[in-house]
Amino acid sequence: MKITIGSDHGAVELKDAVKKVLAEFDVEINDVGTFGNAAVDYPDIAEKVCAEVVSGNSERGIVLCGTGIGISIAANKIKGIRCALCNDVFSAKMSREHNNANVLAMGGRVLGFGPAGEIVRAWLTTDFSGDERHNRRIAKIFALENN
C-alpha cells in the first residue's frame, strides 16, 4: 500500500511521528511536505495529498494541521475524497469500517504522539465492511458531490 502524507506548519512534528508508525507496516510513504516551521496554507497541503489519492497514485492519504479541522474540510471539498477527522481509535475504526474513509485527518496541537499512533494503527488495520447499507450510504455521498 502507498500512503501520501502532508501537514502544514502546525503539525510537522506529528507528521514525523506518524511516519515512524507507518514504518511499522508494509507501506510506501510519499511525504508532500511541509518540512519546516514556516507558515504554509493547509488547503494547499490537502490538495497535494488528495490529488495522489484521487489519481490512484496512493491508496490512502493522511493530512495534518494544527487542529485537523481546516485540513479535513479542505480535503472533503475534493471529489472522491472521504476524509475523516479522528481524535480517538473508535472513530478511526468506524471511519474505515462504515465510511471507507480514504483520508485520515488529525491535529498536531490536539493529539499527542502516542494517541495519534494508535489512531493510525487502527485506521490502517481496519477494513471497509462492504455491506449493502454502507455501500448505499457511500453512494449517496458521491451523489452529493455530483449535485
Protein backbone atom coordinates (compact mmCIF):
# COMPACT_ATOMS: atom_id res chain seq x y z
CA MET A 1 0.00 0.00 0.00
CA LYS A 2 1.14 3.54 -0.73
CA ILE A 3 0.14 6.38 1.58
CA THR A 4 0.64 10.06 0.87
CA ILE A 5 1.04 12.24 3.94
CA GLY A 6 1.23 16.00 4.34
CA SER A 7 0.97 18.64 7.03
CA ASP A 8 1.02 22.35 7.48
CA HIS A 9 3.45 24.01 9.90
CA GLY A 10 1.16 23.26 12.86
CA ALA A 11 1.69 19.52 12.61
CA VAL A 12 5.19 18.87 11.25
CA GLU A 13 6.25 17.11 14.45
CA LEU A 14 3.13 14.93 14.42
CA LYS A 15 3.74 14.09 10.77
CA ASP A 16 7.24 12.86 11.63
CA ALA A 17 5.82 10.72 14.46
CA VAL A 18 3.13 9.30 12.18
CA LYS A 19 5.74 8.38 9.59
CA LYS A 20 7.51 6.30 12.26
CA VAL A 21 4.24 4.45 12.91
CA LEU A 22 3.71 3.93 9.17
CA ALA A 23 7.18 2.37 9.01
CA GLU A 24 5.82 -0.48 11.19
CA PHE A 25 3.65 -1.53 8.24
CA ASP A 26 4.36 -2.66 4.71
CA VAL A 27 3.58 0.73 3.20
CA GLU A 28 5.34 3.12 0.88
CA ILE A 29 5.26 6.69 2.22
CA ASN A 30 5.00 9.73 -0.03
CA ASP A 31 5.60 12.89 2.03
CA VAL A 32 4.43 16.03 0.22
CA GLY A 33 5.51 18.44 2.98
CA THR A 34 5.76 20.78 4.64
CA PHE A 35 9.18 20.15 6.09
CA GLY A 36 9.74 23.11 8.40
CA ASN A 37 8.03 25.58 10.68
CA ALA A 38 7.48 28.31 8.09
CA ALA A 39 3.77 29.02 7.67
CA VAL A 40 2.02 27.29 4.78
CA ASP A 41 -1.66 27.12 3.88
CA TYR A 42 -3.33 23.84 4.78
CA PRO A 43 -5.65 23.80 1.72
CA ASP A 44 -2.54 23.53 -0.47
CA ILE A 45 -1.34 20.50 1.50
CA ALA A 46 -4.79 18.88 1.41
CA GLU A 47 -4.88 19.37 -2.35
CA LYS A 48 -1.48 17.70 -2.84
CA VAL A 49 -2.32 14.69 -0.68
CA CYS A 50 -5.79 14.22 -2.11
CA ALA A 51 -4.60 14.54 -5.71
CA GLU A 52 -2.41 11.50 -5.10
CA VAL A 53 -5.35 9.53 -3.68
CA VAL A 54 -7.87 10.53 -6.36
CA SER A 55 -5.40 9.76 -9.16
CA GLY A 56 -4.76 6.30 -7.74
CA ASN A 57 -1.07 7.00 -7.12
CA SER A 58 -1.78 6.35 -3.42
CA GLU A 59 -4.40 4.11 -1.88
CA ARG A 60 -4.87 6.40 1.11
CA GLY A 61 -3.79 9.75 2.50
CA ILE A 62 -3.10 11.35 5.85
CA VAL A 63 -3.48 15.11 6.33
CA LEU A 64 -2.45 17.06 9.40
CA CYS A 65 -2.78 20.64 10.58
CA GLY A 66 -2.95 22.33 13.97
CA THR A 67 -6.43 21.04 14.83
CA GLY A 68 -7.13 18.77 11.86
CA ILE A 69 -10.33 20.70 11.26
CA GLY A 70 -9.30 23.05 8.46
CA ILE A 71 -7.35 20.47 6.51
CA SER A 72 -10.20 17.93 6.79
CA ILE A 73 -12.69 20.49 5.49
CA ALA A 74 -10.37 21.30 2.58
CA ALA A 75 -9.80 17.62 1.81
CA ASN A 76 -13.53 16.90 1.73
CA LYS A 77 -14.02 19.56 -0.94
CA ILE A 78 -12.10 17.34 -3.38
CA LYS A 79 -14.27 14.99 -5.42
CA GLY A 80 -13.69 11.37 -4.48
CA ILE A 81 -12.28 12.06 -1.03
CA ARG A 82 -13.84 10.79 2.17
CA CYS A 83 -11.70 12.38 4.85
CA ALA A 84 -12.31 11.56 8.50
CA LEU A 85 -11.06 13.78 11.31
CA CYS A 86 -10.28 11.32 14.10
CA ASN A 87 -9.29 12.05 17.67
CA ASP A 88 -9.85 8.54 19.02
CA VAL A 89 -9.37 4.90 17.99
CA PHE A 90 -13.10 4.10 17.79
CA SER A 91 -13.71 6.91 15.28
CA ALA A 92 -10.73 5.77 13.21
CA LYS A 93 -12.06 2.21 13.06
CA MET A 94 -15.58 3.33 12.18
CA SER A 95 -14.30 5.74 9.51
CA ARG A 96 -12.83 2.74 7.71
CA GLU A 97 -15.42 0.07 8.53
CA HIS A 98 -18.54 2.14 7.83
CA ASN A 99 -17.39 5.05 5.66
CA ASN A 100 -14.42 3.57 3.79
CA ALA A 101 -12.51 6.79 4.55
CA ASN A 102 -9.60 7.16 2.16
CA VAL A 103 -8.01 10.08 4.01
CA LEU A 104 -7.34 10.45 7.74
CA ALA A 105 -7.04 13.89 9.36
CA MET A 106 -5.55 14.67 12.76
CA GLY A 107 -4.43 17.75 14.66
CA GLY A 108 -0.86 18.35 15.75
CA ARG A 109 -1.96 20.68 18.53
CA VAL A 110 -4.74 18.33 19.65
CA LEU A 111 -3.20 14.86 19.81
CA GLY A 112 -0.09 13.54 21.46
CA PHE A 113 2.21 11.19 19.56
CA GLY A 114 1.00 8.10 21.45
CA PRO A 115 -2.72 8.53 20.81
CA ALA A 116 -2.06 9.58 17.21
CA GLY A 117 -0.04 6.43 16.67
CA GLU A 118 -2.86 4.26 17.99
CA ILE A 119 -5.33 6.07 15.72
CA VAL A 120 -3.11 5.48 12.68
CA ARG A 121 -2.66 1.80 13.55
CA ALA A 122 -6.42 1.32 13.90
CA TRP A 123 -7.12 3.19 10.67
CA LEU A 124 -4.58 1.16 8.72
CA THR A 125 -5.69 -2.23 10.01
CA THR A 126 -9.45 -1.79 9.75
CA ASP A 127 -11.10 -2.82 6.50
CA PHE A 128 -14.31 -1.50 4.99
CA SER A 129 -17.19 -3.83 5.85
CA GLY A 130 -18.58 -3.55 2.32
CA ASP A 131 -22.09 -4.39 3.42
CA GLU A 132 -25.10 -3.15 1.48
CA ARG A 133 -26.16 -0.38 3.86
CA HIS A 134 -22.70 1.19 4.00
CA ASN A 135 -22.26 0.93 0.23
CA ARG A 136 -25.65 2.59 -0.21
CA ARG A 137 -24.67 5.47 2.08
CA ILE A 138 -21.32 6.00 0.37
CA ALA A 139 -23.11 6.06 -2.99
CA LYS A 140 -25.33 8.82 -1.59
CA ILE A 141 -22.25 10.76 -0.53
CA PHE A 142 -20.89 10.50 -4.07
CA ALA A 143 -24.26 11.66 -5.40
CA LEU A 144 -23.99 14.77 -3.24
CA GLU A 145 -20.66 15.56 -4.91
CA ASN A 146 -22.30 15.48 -8.30
CA ASN A 147 -25.20 17.82 -7.44
